C-alpha cells in the first residue's frame, strides 16, 4: 500500500514523538546530557519525564487515532505544541540557558515537527 505525503508526515511525526518521549521518560539523564545539562539534577529529570509522558502520549495518539476529525484536532494542537517548543528552545539558546548546539538541535527538531504537522494536515486546513 502506497503512502501519500500526508500519511508519511503523520507517521513520521508519531515516530519522532515516540522516540523522543520514551527516551526522556526512561533515560532523562541521557537526554539532559545531550542537552548539555547536568543529568543528575533531580528536578531536571522530573521535568524531562513530564515532557516524555506528554510527547509519547501525543505520538501514540497520532499513531492510533482513526477518526479524521480527531486526527485533525491532534495535528492542530501539535502545531501549537511544537511551535511553542521551537520558540522556547530558540529563546533558551539566545539567553544562554541551553548550550548553542543543544538549542539549535532542539529548535530544529521542533521546527521539523511543526512542518510535519502542517504537511499531515495540509489538505484539510481551512476546510472546516
PDB file of N, CA and C in Angstrom:
ATOM      1  N   UNK A   1       0.839  -1.182   0.000  1.00  0.00           N
ATOM      2  CA  UNK A   1       0.000   0.000   0.000  1.00  0.00           C
ATOM      3  C   UNK A   1       0.884   1.244   0.000  1.00  0.00           C
ATOM      4  N   UNK A   2       0.709   2.089  -0.995  1.00  0.00           N
ATOM      5  CA  UNK A   2       1.495   3.312  -1.100  1.00  0.00           C
ATOM      6  C   UNK A   2       1.025   4.328  -0.065  1.00  0.00           C
ATOM      7  N   UNK A   3       1.976   5.100   0.450  1.00  0.00           N
ATOM      8  CA  UNK A   3       1.656   6.089   1.463  1.00  0.00           C
ATOM      9  C   UNK A   3       1.772   7.479   0.839  1.00  0.00           C
ATOM     10  N   UNK A   4       0.737   8.304   1.020  1.00  0.00           N
ATOM     11  CA  UNK A   4       0.800   9.665   0.498  1.00  0.00           C
ATOM     12  C   UNK A   4       1.606  10.549   1.450  1.00  0.00           C
ATOM     13  N   UNK A   5       1.898  11.770   1.018  1.00  0.00           N
ATOM     14  CA  UNK A   5       2.734  12.680   1.808  1.00  0.00           C
ATOM     15  C   UNK A   5       2.097  12.996   3.152  1.00  0.00           C
ATOM     16  N   UNK A   6       0.794  13.145   3.175  1.00  0.00           N
ATOM     17  CA  UNK A   6       0.094  13.467   4.429  1.00  0.00           C
ATOM     18  C   UNK A   6       0.260  12.330   5.438  1.00  0.00           C
ATOM     19  N   UNK A   7       0.065  11.091   4.997  1.00  0.00           N
ATOM     20  CA  UNK A   7       0.226   9.945   5.896  1.00  0.00           C
ATOM     21  C   UNK A   7       1.684   9.777   6.320  1.00  0.00           C
ATOM     22  N   UNK A   8       2.598   9.949   5.389  1.00  0.00           N
ATOM     23  CA  UNK A   8       4.018   9.839   5.717  1.00  0.00           C
ATOM     24  C   UNK A   8       4.392  10.850   6.795  1.00  0.00           C
ATOM     25  N   UNK A   9       3.929  12.094   6.657  1.00  0.00           N
ATOM     26  CA  UNK A   9       4.225  13.132   7.646  1.00  0.00           C
ATOM     27  C   UNK A   9       3.626  12.775   8.999  1.00  0.00           C
ATOM     28  N   UNK A  10       2.392  12.300   8.993  1.00  0.00           N
ATOM     29  CA  UNK A  10       1.718  11.927  10.253  1.00  0.00           C
ATOM     30  C   UNK A  10       2.491  10.821  10.973  1.00  0.00           C
ATOM     31  N   UNK A  11       2.827   9.755  10.264  1.00  0.00           N
ATOM     32  CA  UNK A  11       3.509   8.631  10.908  1.00  0.00           C
ATOM     33  C   UNK A  11       4.962   8.957  11.255  1.00  0.00           C
ATOM     34  N   UNK A  12       5.605   9.804  10.480  1.00  0.00           N
ATOM     35  CA  UNK A  12       6.960  10.257  10.828  1.00  0.00           C
ATOM     36  C   UNK A  12       6.929  11.063  12.112  1.00  0.00           C
ATOM     37  N   UNK A  13       5.964  11.963  12.211  1.00  0.00           N
ATOM     38  CA  UNK A  13       5.817  12.769  13.420  1.00  0.00           C
ATOM     39  C   UNK A  13       5.523  11.874  14.619  1.00  0.00           C
ATOM     40  N   UNK A  14       4.649  10.887  14.440  1.00  0.00           N
ATOM     41  CA  UNK A  14       4.356   9.952  15.534  1.00  0.00           C
ATOM     42  C   UNK A  14       5.631   9.248  15.987  1.00  0.00           C
ATOM     43  N   UNK A  15       6.447   8.806  15.037  1.00  0.00           N
ATOM     44  CA  UNK A  15       7.700   8.125  15.369  1.00  0.00           C
ATOM     45  C   UNK A  15       8.679   9.024  16.109  1.00  0.00           C
ATOM     46  N   UNK A  16       8.840  10.243  15.636  1.00  0.00           N
ATOM     47  CA  UNK A  16       9.740  11.199  16.301  1.00  0.00           C
ATOM     48  C   UNK A  16       9.267  11.445  17.725  1.00  0.00           C
ATOM     49  N   UNK A  17       7.966  11.661  17.880  1.00  0.00           N
ATOM     50  CA  UNK A  17       7.411  11.910  19.212  1.00  0.00           C
ATOM     51  C   UNK A  17       7.640  10.714  20.131  1.00  0.00           C
ATOM     52  N   UNK A  18       7.381   9.510  19.623  1.00  0.00           N
ATOM     53  CA  UNK A  18       7.549   8.318  20.455  1.00  0.00           C
ATOM     54  C   UNK A  18       8.999   8.109  20.860  1.00  0.00           C
ATOM     55  N   UNK A  19       9.919   8.256  19.931  1.00  0.00           N
ATOM     56  CA  UNK A  19      11.345   8.069  20.249  1.00  0.00           C
ATOM     57  C   UNK A  19      11.796   9.097  21.279  1.00  0.00           C
ATOM     58  N   UNK A  20      11.515  10.368  21.037  1.00  0.00           N
ATOM     59  CA  UNK A  20      11.949  11.409  21.970  1.00  0.00           C
ATOM     60  C   UNK A  20      11.239  11.295  23.312  1.00  0.00           C
ATOM     61  N   UNK A  21       9.947  10.973  23.274  1.00  0.00           N
ATOM     62  CA  UNK A  21       9.185  10.855  24.516  1.00  0.00           C
ATOM     63  C   UNK A  21       9.646   9.691  25.378  1.00  0.00           C
ATOM     64  N   UNK A  22       9.817   8.529  24.764  1.00  0.00           N
ATOM     65  CA  UNK A  22      10.258   7.356  25.519  1.00  0.00           C
ATOM     66  C   UNK A  22      11.678   7.565  26.049  1.00  0.00           C
ATOM     67  N   UNK A  23      12.540   8.189  25.249  1.00  0.00           N
ATOM     68  CA  UNK A  23      13.902   8.471  25.717  1.00  0.00           C
ATOM     69  C   UNK A  23      13.880   9.378  26.937  1.00  0.00           C
ATOM     70  N   UNK A  24      13.084  10.447  26.894  1.00  0.00           N
ATOM     71  CA  UNK A  24      13.018  11.367  28.031  1.00  0.00           C
ATOM     72  C   UNK A  24      12.381  10.704  29.247  1.00  0.00           C
ATOM     73  N   UNK A  25      11.428   9.839  29.017  1.00  0.00           N
ATOM     74  CA  UNK A  25      10.747   9.154  30.116  1.00  0.00           C
ATOM     75  C   UNK A  25      11.644   8.114  30.784  1.00  0.00           C
ATOM     76  N   UNK A  26      12.322   7.313  29.985  1.00  0.00           N
ATOM     77  CA  UNK A  26      13.103   6.209  30.528  1.00  0.00           C
ATOM     78  C   UNK A  26      14.566   6.551  30.826  1.00  0.00           C
ATOM     79  N   UNK A  27      15.112   7.542  30.138  1.00  0.00           N
ATOM     80  CA  UNK A  27      16.526   7.891  30.324  1.00  0.00           C
ATOM     81  C   UNK A  27      16.704   9.413  30.387  1.00  0.00           C
ATOM     82  N   UNK A  28      16.068  10.063  31.364  1.00  0.00           N
ATOM     83  CA  UNK A  28      16.153  11.526  31.408  1.00  0.00           C
ATOM     84  C   UNK A  28      17.574  12.050  31.592  1.00  0.00           C
ATOM     85  N   UNK A  29      18.429  11.274  32.295  1.00  0.00           N
ATOM     86  CA  UNK A  29      19.809  11.726  32.489  1.00  0.00           C
ATOM     87  C   UNK A  29      20.561  11.777  31.159  1.00  0.00           C
ATOM     88  N   UNK A  30      20.305  10.813  30.298  1.00  0.00           N
ATOM     89  CA  UNK A  30      20.954  10.786  28.978  1.00  0.00           C
ATOM     90  C   UNK A  30      20.477  11.976  28.141  1.00  0.00           C
ATOM     91  N   UNK A  31      19.166  12.214  28.132  1.00  0.00           N
ATOM     92  CA  UNK A  31      18.610  13.349  27.383  1.00  0.00           C
ATOM     93  C   UNK A  31      19.179  14.652  27.927  1.00  0.00           C
ATOM     94  N   UNK A  32      19.252  14.782  29.246  1.00  0.00           N
ATOM     95  CA  UNK A  32      19.799  16.003  29.856  1.00  0.00           C
ATOM     96  C   UNK A  32      21.239  16.236  29.405  1.00  0.00           C
ATOM     97  N   UNK A  33      22.052  15.179  29.435  1.00  0.00           N
ATOM     98  CA  UNK A  33      23.451  15.330  28.995  1.00  0.00           C
ATOM     99  C   UNK A  33      23.530  15.729  27.531  1.00  0.00           C
ATOM    100  N   UNK A  34      22.638  15.190  26.699  1.00  0.00           N
ATOM    101  CA  UNK A  34      22.638  15.563  25.273  1.00  0.00           C
ATOM    102  C   UNK A  34      22.270  17.033  25.091  1.00  0.00           C
ATOM    103  N   UNK A  35      21.535  17.581  26.060  1.00  0.00           N
ATOM    104  CA  UNK A  35      21.184  18.999  26.021  1.00  0.00           C
ATOM    105  C   UNK A  35      22.251  19.871  26.681  1.00  0.00           C
ATOM    106  N   UNK A  36      23.317  19.243  27.159  1.00  0.00           N
ATOM    107  CA  UNK A  36      24.395  19.988  27.786  1.00  0.00           C
ATOM    108  C   UNK A  36      24.122  20.332  29.234  1.00  0.00           C
ATOM    109  N   UNK A  37      23.203  19.621  29.870  1.00  0.00           N
ATOM    110  CA  UNK A  37      22.840  19.899  31.258  1.00  0.00           C
ATOM    111  C   UNK A  37      23.344  18.781  32.164  1.00  0.00           C
ATOM    112  N   UNK A  38      23.314  19.034  33.448  1.00  0.00           N
ATOM    113  CA  UNK A  38      23.691  18.039  34.446  1.00  0.00           C
ATOM    114  C   UNK A  38      22.551  17.039  34.595  1.00  0.00           C
ATOM    115  N   UNK A  39      22.754  15.843  34.103  1.00  0.00           N
ATOM    116  CA  UNK A  39      21.722  14.824  34.133  1.00  0.00           C
ATOM    117  C   UNK A  39      21.394  14.311  35.520  1.00  0.00           C
ATOM    118  N   UNK A  40      22.171  14.673  36.507  1.00  0.00           N
ATOM    119  CA  UNK A  40      21.925  14.180  37.860  1.00  0.00           C
ATOM    120  C   UNK A  40      21.040  15.132  38.676  1.00  0.00           C
ATOM    121  N   UNK A  41      20.598  16.214  38.100  1.00  0.00           N
ATOM    122  CA  UNK A  41      19.701  17.130  38.807  1.00  0.00           C
ATOM    123  C   UNK A  41      18.311  16.503  38.883  1.00  0.00           C
ATOM    124  N   UNK A  42      17.810  16.212  40.091  1.00  0.00           N
ATOM    125  CA  UNK A  42      16.504  15.561  40.221  1.00  0.00           C
ATOM    126  C   UNK A  42      15.363  16.361  39.583  1.00  0.00           C
ATOM    127  N   UNK A  43      15.379  17.659  39.722  1.00  0.00           N
ATOM    128  CA  UNK A  43      14.295  18.471  39.148  1.00  0.00           C
ATOM    129  C   UNK A  43      14.293  18.375  37.629  1.00  0.00           C
ATOM    130  N   UNK A  44      15.459  18.377  37.035  1.00  0.00           N
ATOM    131  CA  UNK A  44      15.549  18.274  35.579  1.00  0.00           C
ATOM    132  C   UNK A  44      15.057  16.907  35.107  1.00  0.00           C
ATOM    133  N   UNK A  45      15.428  15.867  35.819  1.00  0.00           N
ATOM    134  CA  UNK A  45      14.937  14.530  35.463  1.00  0.00           C
ATOM    135  C   UNK A  45      13.419  14.481  35.538  1.00  0.00           C
ATOM    136  N   UNK A  46      12.854  15.097  36.554  1.00  0.00           N
ATOM    137  CA  UNK A  46      11.397  15.122  36.702  1.00  0.00           C
ATOM    138  C   UNK A  46      10.743  15.857  35.528  1.00  0.00           C
ATOM    139  N   UNK A  47      11.275  17.010  35.176  1.00  0.00           N
ATOM    140  CA  UNK A  47      10.722  17.789  34.063  1.00  0.00           C
ATOM    141  C   UNK A  47      10.851  17.010  32.752  1.00  0.00           C
ATOM    142  N   UNK A  48      11.976  16.373  32.545  1.00  0.00           N
ATOM    143  CA  UNK A  48      12.158  15.588  31.318  1.00  0.00           C
ATOM    144  C   UNK A  48      11.198  14.405  31.270  1.00  0.00           C
ATOM    145  N   UNK A  49      10.931  13.800  32.407  1.00  0.00           N
ATOM    146  CA  UNK A  49       9.954  12.702  32.427  1.00  0.00           C
ATOM    147  C   UNK A  49       8.552  13.232  32.099  1.00  0.00           C
ATOM    148  N   UNK A  50       8.203  14.409  32.602  1.00  0.00           N
ATOM    149  CA  UNK A  50       6.901  15.005  32.252  1.00  0.00           C
ATOM    150  C   UNK A  50       6.838  15.277  30.750  1.00  0.00           C
ATOM    151  N   UNK A  51       7.909  15.829  30.195  1.00  0.00           N
ATOM    152  CA  UNK A  51       7.990  16.039  28.751  1.00  0.00           C
ATOM    153  C   UNK A  51       7.839  14.708  28.023  1.00  0.00           C
ATOM    154  N   UNK A  52       8.490  13.675  28.546  1.00  0.00           N
ATOM    155  CA  UNK A  52       8.439  12.361  27.910  1.00  0.00           C
ATOM    156  C   UNK A  52       7.043  11.785  27.872  1.00  0.00           C
ATOM    157  N   UNK A  53       6.321  11.893  28.974  1.00  0.00           N
ATOM    158  CA  UNK A  53       4.952  11.388  29.012  1.00  0.00           C
ATOM    159  C   UNK A  53       4.097  12.122  27.992  1.00  0.00           C
ATOM    160  N   UNK A  54       4.179  13.437  27.989  1.00  0.00           N
ATOM    161  CA  UNK A  54       3.404  14.248  27.041  1.00  0.00           C
ATOM    162  C   UNK A  54       3.733  13.871  25.612  1.00  0.00           C
ATOM    163  N   UNK A  55       5.002  13.790  25.315  1.00  0.00           N
ATOM    164  CA  UNK A  55       5.439  13.560  23.950  1.00  0.00           C
ATOM    165  C   UNK A  55       5.105  12.151  23.473  1.00  0.00           C
ATOM    166  N   UNK A  56       5.299  11.163  24.328  1.00  0.00           N
ATOM    167  CA  UNK A  56       4.940   9.789  23.959  1.00  0.00           C
ATOM    168  C   UNK A  56       3.433   9.658  23.768  1.00  0.00           C
ATOM    169  N   UNK A  57       2.671  10.298  24.630  1.00  0.00           N
ATOM    170  CA  UNK A  57       1.213  10.229  24.516  1.00  0.00           C
ATOM    171  C   UNK A  57       0.728  10.831  23.200  1.00  0.00           C
ATOM    172  N   UNK A  58       1.239  12.013  22.833  1.00  0.00           N
ATOM    173  CA  UNK A  58       0.757  12.623  21.588  1.00  0.00           C
ATOM    174  C   UNK A  58       1.289  11.878  20.361  1.00  0.00           C
ATOM    175  N   UNK A  59       2.413  11.191  20.505  1.00  0.00           N
ATOM    176  CA  UNK A  59       2.897  10.342  19.417  1.00  0.00           C
ATOM    177  C   UNK A  59       1.995   9.135  19.219  1.00  0.00           C
ATOM    178  N   UNK A  60       1.646   8.480  20.322  1.00  0.00           N
ATOM    179  CA  UNK A  60       0.751   7.318  20.244  1.00  0.00           C
ATOM    180  C   UNK A  60      -0.617   7.726  19.726  1.00  0.00           C
ATOM    181  N   UNK A  61      -1.067   8.890  20.136  1.00  0.00           N
ATOM    182  CA  UNK A  61      -2.362   9.394  19.668  1.00  0.00           C
ATOM    183  C   UNK A  61      -2.386   9.481  18.143  1.00  0.00           C
ATOM    184  N   UNK A  62      -1.367  10.066  17.562  1.00  0.00           N
ATOM    185  CA  UNK A  62      -1.320  10.181  16.104  1.00  0.00           C
ATOM    186  C   UNK A  62      -1.210   8.830  15.419  1.00  0.00           C
ATOM    187  N   UNK A  63      -0.569   7.913  16.076  1.00  0.00           N
ATOM    188  CA  UNK A  63      -0.384   6.585  15.502  1.00  0.00           C
ATOM    189  C   UNK A  63      -1.685   5.778  15.487  1.00  0.00           C
ATOM    190  N   UNK A  64      -2.486   5.915  16.537  1.00  0.00           N
ATOM    191  CA  UNK A  64      -3.639   5.027  16.695  1.00  0.00           C
ATOM    192  C   UNK A  64      -5.001   5.638  16.400  1.00  0.00           C
ATOM    193  N   UNK A  65      -5.114   6.962  16.335  1.00  0.00           N
ATOM    194  CA  UNK A  65      -6.416   7.569  16.038  1.00  0.00           C
ATOM    195  C   UNK A  65      -6.898   7.147  14.654  1.00  0.00           C
ATOM    196  N   UNK A  66      -8.189   6.949  14.525  1.00  0.00           N
ATOM    197  CA  UNK A  66      -8.795   6.584  13.242  1.00  0.00           C
ATOM    198  C   UNK A  66      -9.750   7.651  12.724  1.00  0.00           C
ATOM    199  N   UNK A  67     -10.403   8.368  13.621  1.00  0.00           N
ATOM    200  CA  UNK A  67     -11.396   9.371  13.250  1.00  0.00           C
ATOM    201  C   UNK A  67     -10.711  10.595  12.636  1.00  0.00           C
ATOM    202  N   UNK A  68     -11.041  10.944  11.388  1.00  0.00           N
ATOM    203  CA  UNK A  68     -10.384  12.084  10.729  1.00  0.00           C
ATOM    204  C   UNK A  68     -10.506  13.399  11.506  1.00  0.00           C
ATOM    205  N   UNK A  69     -11.627  13.627  12.165  1.00  0.00           N
ATOM    206  CA  UNK A  69     -11.793  14.871  12.926  1.00  0.00           C
ATOM    207  C   UNK A  69     -10.851  14.903  14.133  1.00  0.00           C
ATOM    208  N   UNK A  70     -10.690  13.758  14.784  1.00  0.00           N
ATOM    209  CA  UNK A  70      -9.783  13.693  15.939  1.00  0.00           C
ATOM    210  C   UNK A  70      -8.325  13.794  15.500  1.00  0.00           C
ATOM    211  N   UNK A  71      -8.023  13.220  14.346  1.00  0.00           N
ATOM    212  CA  UNK A  71      -6.662  13.338  13.805  1.00  0.00           C
ATOM    213  C   UNK A  71      -6.363  14.802  13.497  1.00  0.00           C
ATOM    214  N   UNK A  72      -7.308  15.475  12.848  1.00  0.00           N
ATOM    215  CA  UNK A  72      -7.122  16.888  12.515  1.00  0.00           C
ATOM    216  C   UNK A  72      -6.915  17.721  13.773  1.00  0.00           C
ATOM    217  N   UNK A  73      -7.710  17.452  14.801  1.00  0.00           N
ATOM    218  CA  UNK A  73      -7.562  18.194  16.065  1.00  0.00           C
ATOM    219  C   UNK A  73      -6.189  17.925  16.674  1.00  0.00           C
ATOM    220  N   UNK A  74      -5.750  16.659  16.683  1.00  0.00           N
ATOM    221  CA  UNK A  74      -4.438  16.320  17.227  1.00  0.00           C
ATOM    222  C   UNK A  74      -3.325  17.041  16.457  1.00  0.00           C
ATOM    223  N   UNK A  75      -3.477  17.156  15.153  1.00  0.00           N
ATOM    224  CA  UNK A  75      -2.478  17.866  14.349  1.00  0.00           C
ATOM    225  C   UNK A  75      -2.487  19.356  14.636  1.00  0.00           C
ATOM    226  N   UNK A  76      -3.674  19.948  14.795  1.00  0.00           N
ATOM    227  CA  UNK A  76      -3.754  21.379  15.116  1.00  0.00           C
ATOM    228  C   UNK A  76      -3.108  21.665  16.469  1.00  0.00           C
ATOM    229  N   UNK A  77      -3.431  20.839  17.461  1.00  0.00           N
ATOM    230  CA  UNK A  77      -2.833  21.008  18.782  1.00  0.00           C
ATOM    231  C   UNK A  77      -1.319  20.791  18.694  1.00  0.00           C
ATOM    232  N   UNK A  78      -0.910  19.799  17.910  1.00  0.00           N
ATOM    233  CA  UNK A  78       0.513  19.535  17.733  1.00  0.00           C
ATOM    234  C   UNK A  78       1.266  20.710  17.124  1.00  0.00           C
ATOM    235  N   UNK A  79       0.616  21.410  16.204  1.00  0.00           N
ATOM    236  CA  UNK A  79       1.257  22.595  15.612  1.00  0.00           C
ATOM    237  C   UNK A  79       1.563  23.627  16.691  1.00  0.00           C
ATOM    238  N   UNK A  80       0.616  23.853  17.579  1.00  0.00           N
ATOM    239  CA  UNK A  80       0.815  24.817  18.680  1.00  0.00           C
ATOM    240  C   UNK A  80       1.901  24.317  19.634  1.00  0.00           C
ATOM    241  N   UNK A  81       1.839  23.044  20.005  1.00  0.00           N
ATOM    242  CA  UNK A  81       2.829  22.473  20.932  1.00  0.00           C
ATOM    243  C   UNK A  81       4.236  22.596  20.356  1.00  0.00           C
ATOM    244  N   UNK A  82       4.420  22.176  19.114  1.00  0.00           N
ATOM    245  CA  UNK A  82       5.764  22.173  18.542  1.00  0.00           C
ATOM    246  C   UNK A  82       6.262  23.579  18.221  1.00  0.00           C
ATOM    247  N   UNK A  83       5.357  24.484  17.883  1.00  0.00           N
ATOM    248  CA  UNK A  83       5.766  25.882  17.685  1.00  0.00           C
ATOM    249  C   UNK A  83       6.265  26.466  18.998  1.00  0.00           C
ATOM    250  N   UNK A  84       5.534  26.207  20.089  1.00  0.00           N
ATOM    251  CA  UNK A  84       5.981  26.725  21.386  1.00  0.00           C
ATOM    252  C   UNK A  84       7.291  26.062  21.812  1.00  0.00           C
ATOM    253  N   UNK A  85       7.459  24.768  21.521  1.00  0.00           N
ATOM    254  CA  UNK A  85       8.722  24.093  21.826  1.00  0.00           C
ATOM    255  C   UNK A  85       9.883  24.717  21.051  1.00  0.00           C
ATOM    256  N   UNK A  86       9.668  24.991  19.761  1.00  0.00           N
ATOM    257  CA  UNK A  86      10.732  25.582  18.939  1.00  0.00           C
ATOM    258  C   UNK A  86      11.105  26.979  19.442  1.00  0.00           C
ATOM    259  N   UNK A  87      10.093  27.785  19.732  1.00  0.00           N
ATOM    260  CA  UNK A  87      10.359  29.141  20.230  1.00  0.00           C
ATOM    261  C   UNK A  87      11.046  29.103  21.591  1.00  0.00           C
ATOM    262  N   UNK A  88      10.622  28.187  22.439  1.00  0.00           N
ATOM    263  CA  UNK A  88      11.230  28.046  23.760  1.00  0.00           C
ATOM    264  C   UNK A  88      12.693  27.624  23.658  1.00  0.00           C
ATOM    265  N   UNK A  89      12.979  26.665  22.784  1.00  0.00           N
ATOM    266  CA  UNK A  89      14.366  26.208  22.609  1.00  0.00           C
ATOM    267  C   UNK A  89      15.243  27.326  22.043  1.00  0.00           C
ATOM    268  N   UNK A  90      14.711  28.060  21.072  1.00  0.00           N
ATOM    269  CA  UNK A  90      15.479  29.172  20.493  1.00  0.00           C
ATOM    270  C   UNK A  90      15.738  30.247  21.543  1.00  0.00           C
ATOM    271  N   UNK A  91      14.731  30.567  22.342  1.00  0.00           N
ATOM    272  CA  UNK A  91      14.897  31.581  23.392  1.00  0.00           C
ATOM    273  C   UNK A  91      15.892  31.110  24.448  1.00  0.00           C
ATOM    274  N   UNK A  92      15.840  29.824  24.810  1.00  0.00           N
ATOM    275  CA  UNK A  92      16.777  29.287  25.800  1.00  0.00           C
ATOM    276  C   UNK A  92      18.205  29.368  25.283  1.00  0.00           C
ATOM    277  N   UNK A  93      18.393  29.123  24.012  1.00  0.00           N
ATOM    278  CA  UNK A  93      19.720  29.250  23.423  1.00  0.00           C
ATOM    279  C   UNK A  93      20.189  30.690  23.387  1.00  0.00           C
ATOM    280  N   UNK A  94      19.290  31.577  23.031  1.00  0.00           N
ATOM    281  CA  UNK A  94      19.639  33.006  22.946  1.00  0.00           C
ATOM    282  C   UNK A  94      20.005  33.580  24.313  1.00  0.00           C
ATOM    283  N   UNK A  95      19.322  33.113  25.358  1.00  0.00           N
ATOM    284  CA  UNK A  95      19.563  33.602  26.724  1.00  0.00           C
ATOM    285  C   UNK A  95      20.700  32.862  27.423  1.00  0.00           C
ATOM    286  N   UNK A  96      21.258  31.847  26.784  1.00  0.00           N
ATOM    287  CA  UNK A  96      22.341  31.085  27.385  1.00  0.00           C
ATOM    288  C   UNK A  96      21.872  30.007  28.349  1.00  0.00           C
ATOM    289  N   UNK A  97      20.584  29.713  28.375  1.00  0.00           N
ATOM    290  CA  UNK A  97      20.066  28.667  29.257  1.00  0.00           C
ATOM    291  C   UNK A  97      20.318  27.276  28.678  1.00  0.00           C
ATOM    292  N   UNK A  98      20.512  27.198  27.370  1.00  0.00           N
ATOM    293  CA  UNK A  98      20.911  25.969  26.687  1.00  0.00           C
ATOM    294  C   UNK A  98      22.171  26.278  25.898  1.00  0.00           C
ATOM    295  N   UNK A  99      23.052  25.302  25.823  1.00  0.00           N
ATOM    296  CA  UNK A  99      24.251  25.464  25.005  1.00  0.00           C
ATOM    297  C   UNK A  99      23.823  25.694  23.553  1.00  0.00           C
ATOM    298  N   UNK A 100      24.594  26.471  22.796  1.00  0.00           N
ATOM    299  CA  UNK A 100      24.192  26.787  21.419  1.00  0.00           C
ATOM    300  C   UNK A 100      23.858  25.560  20.567  1.00  0.00           C
ATOM    301  N   UNK A 101      24.677  24.525  20.635  1.00  0.00           N
ATOM    302  CA  UNK A 101      24.421  23.340  19.816  1.00  0.00           C
ATOM    303  C   UNK A 101      23.140  22.631  20.253  1.00  0.00           C
ATOM    304  N   UNK A 102      22.934  22.507  21.557  1.00  0.00           N
ATOM    305  CA  UNK A 102      21.722  21.865  22.077  1.00  0.00           C
ATOM    306  C   UNK A 102      20.486  22.677  21.707  1.00  0.00           C
ATOM    307  N   UNK A 103      20.594  23.999  21.810  1.00  0.00           N
ATOM    308  CA  UNK A 103      19.465  24.859  21.448  1.00  0.00           C
ATOM    309  C   UNK A 103      19.152  24.738  19.965  1.00  0.00           C
ATOM    310  N   UNK A 104      20.181  24.704  19.141  1.00  0.00           N
ATOM    311  CA  UNK A 104      19.964  24.571  17.699  1.00  0.00           C
ATOM    312  C   UNK A 104      19.327  23.223  17.370  1.00  0.00           C
ATOM    313  N   UNK A 105      19.786  22.173  18.027  1.00  0.00           N
ATOM    314  CA  UNK A 105      19.222  20.844  17.784  1.00  0.00           C
ATOM    315  C   UNK A 105      17.759  20.789  18.214  1.00  0.00           C
ATOM    316  N   UNK A 106      17.464  21.263  19.424  1.00  0.00           N
ATOM    317  CA  UNK A 106      16.090  21.244  19.932  1.00  0.00           C
ATOM    318  C   UNK A 106      15.178  22.113  19.071  1.00  0.00           C
ATOM    319  N   UNK A 107      15.677  23.262  18.642  1.00  0.00           N
ATOM    320  CA  UNK A 107      14.884  24.143  17.782  1.00  0.00           C
ATOM    321  C   UNK A 107      14.628  23.474  16.434  1.00  0.00           C
ATOM    322  N   UNK A 108      15.646  22.832  15.885  1.00  0.00           N
ATOM    323  CA  UNK A 108      15.494  22.160  14.590  1.00  0.00           C
ATOM    324  C   UNK A 108      14.499  21.007  14.669  1.00  0.00           C
ATOM    325  N   UNK A 109      14.598  20.188  15.709  1.00  0.00           N
ATOM    326  CA  UNK A 109      13.664  19.063  15.853  1.00  0.00           C
ATOM    327  C   UNK A 109      12.235  19.571  15.955  1.00  0.00           C
ATOM    328  N   UNK A 110      12.016  20.586  16.780  1.00  0.00           N
ATOM    329  CA  UNK A 110      10.656  21.115  16.940  1.00  0.00           C
ATOM    330  C   UNK A 110      10.159  21.788  15.669  1.00  0.00           C
ATOM    331  N   UNK A 111      11.041  22.429  14.932  1.00  0.00           N
ATOM    332  CA  UNK A 111      10.648  23.067  13.674  1.00  0.00           C
ATOM    333  C   UNK A 111      10.278  22.008  12.636  1.00  0.00           C
ATOM    334  N   UNK A 112      11.026  20.918  12.581  1.00  0.00           N
ATOM    335  CA  UNK A 112      10.663  19.804  11.698  1.00  0.00           C
ATOM    336  C   UNK A 112       9.297  19.257  12.103  1.00  0.00           C
ATOM    337  N   UNK A 113       9.061  19.144  13.405  1.00  0.00           N
ATOM    338  CA  UNK A 113       7.765  18.656  13.880  1.00  0.00           C
ATOM    339  C   UNK A 113       6.627  19.594  13.464  1.00  0.00           C
ATOM    340  N   UNK A 114       6.857  20.897  13.521  1.00  0.00           N
ATOM    341  CA  UNK A 114       5.849  21.862  13.049  1.00  0.00           C
ATOM    342  C   UNK A 114       5.564  21.605  11.567  1.00  0.00           C
ATOM    343  N   UNK A 115       6.623  21.482  10.783  1.00  0.00           N
ATOM    344  CA  UNK A 115       6.446  21.249   9.343  1.00  0.00           C
ATOM    345  C   UNK A 115       5.678  19.952   9.093  1.00  0.00           C
ATOM    346  N   UNK A 116       5.976  18.908   9.856  1.00  0.00           N
ATOM    347  CA  UNK A 116       5.263  17.642   9.674  1.00  0.00           C
ATOM    348  C   UNK A 116       3.775  17.776  10.020  1.00  0.00           C
ATOM    349  N   UNK A 117       3.452  18.537  11.077  1.00  0.00           N
ATOM    350  CA  UNK A 117       2.027  18.729  11.394  1.00  0.00           C
ATOM    351  C   UNK A 117       1.326  19.468  10.272  1.00  0.00           C
ATOM    352  N   UNK A 118       1.996  20.440   9.684  1.00  0.00           N
ATOM    353  CA  UNK A 118       1.377  21.212   8.597  1.00  0.00           C
ATOM    354  C   UNK A 118       1.196  20.356   7.343  1.00  0.00           C
ATOM    355  N   UNK A 119       2.193  19.555   7.015  1.00  0.00           N
ATOM    356  CA  UNK A 119       2.078  18.669   5.846  1.00  0.00           C
ATOM    357  C   UNK A 119       0.996  17.626   6.088  1.00  0.00           C
ATOM    358  N   UNK A 120       0.982  17.033   7.274  1.00  0.00           N
ATOM    359  CA  UNK A 120      -0.006  15.987   7.577  1.00  0.00           C
ATOM    360  C   UNK A 120      -1.427  16.520   7.522  1.00  0.00           C
ATOM    361  N   UNK A 121      -1.598  17.794   7.818  1.00  0.00           N
ATOM    362  CA  UNK A 121      -2.940  18.383   7.849  1.00  0.00           C
ATOM    363  C   UNK A 121      -3.212  19.267   6.627  1.00  0.00           C
ATOM    364  N   UNK A 122      -2.278  19.365   5.718  1.00  0.00           N
ATOM    365  CA  UNK A 122      -2.370  20.325   4.606  1.00  0.00           C
ATOM    366  C   UNK A 122      -3.699  20.279   3.840  1.00  0.00           C
ATOM    367  N   UNK A 123      -4.170  19.151   3.373  1.00  0.00           N
ATOM    368  CA  UNK A 123      -5.405  19.148   2.586  1.00  0.00           C
ATOM    369  C   UNK A 123      -6.639  19.585   3.354  1.00  0.00           C
ATOM    370  N   UNK A 124      -6.603  19.449   4.669  1.00  0.00           N
ATOM    371  CA  UNK A 124      -7.767  19.794   5.482  1.00  0.00           C
ATOM    372  C   UNK A 124      -7.768  21.227   5.956  1.00  0.00           C
ATOM    373  N   UNK A 125      -6.630  21.881   6.013  1.00  0.00           N
ATOM    374  CA  UNK A 125      -6.573  23.245   6.577  1.00  0.00           C
ATOM    375  C   UNK A 125      -7.513  24.178   5.826  1.00  0.00           C
ATOM    376  N   UNK A 126      -8.266  24.914   6.612  1.00  0.00           N
ATOM    377  CA  UNK A 126      -9.160  25.908   6.030  1.00  0.00           C
ATOM    378  C   UNK A 126     -10.445  25.347   5.462  1.00  0.00           C
ATOM    379  N   UNK A 127     -10.686  24.052   5.651  1.00  0.00           N
ATOM    380  CA  UNK A 127     -11.906  23.463   5.085  1.00  0.00           C
ATOM    381  C   UNK A 127     -12.954  23.203   6.142  1.00  0.00           C
ATOM    382  N   UNK A 128     -12.757  23.619   7.331  1.00  0.00           N
ATOM    383  CA  UNK A 128     -13.796  23.387   8.334  1.00  0.00           C
ATOM    384  C   UNK A 128     -13.194  23.265   9.626  1.00  0.00           C
TER     385      UNK A 128
END
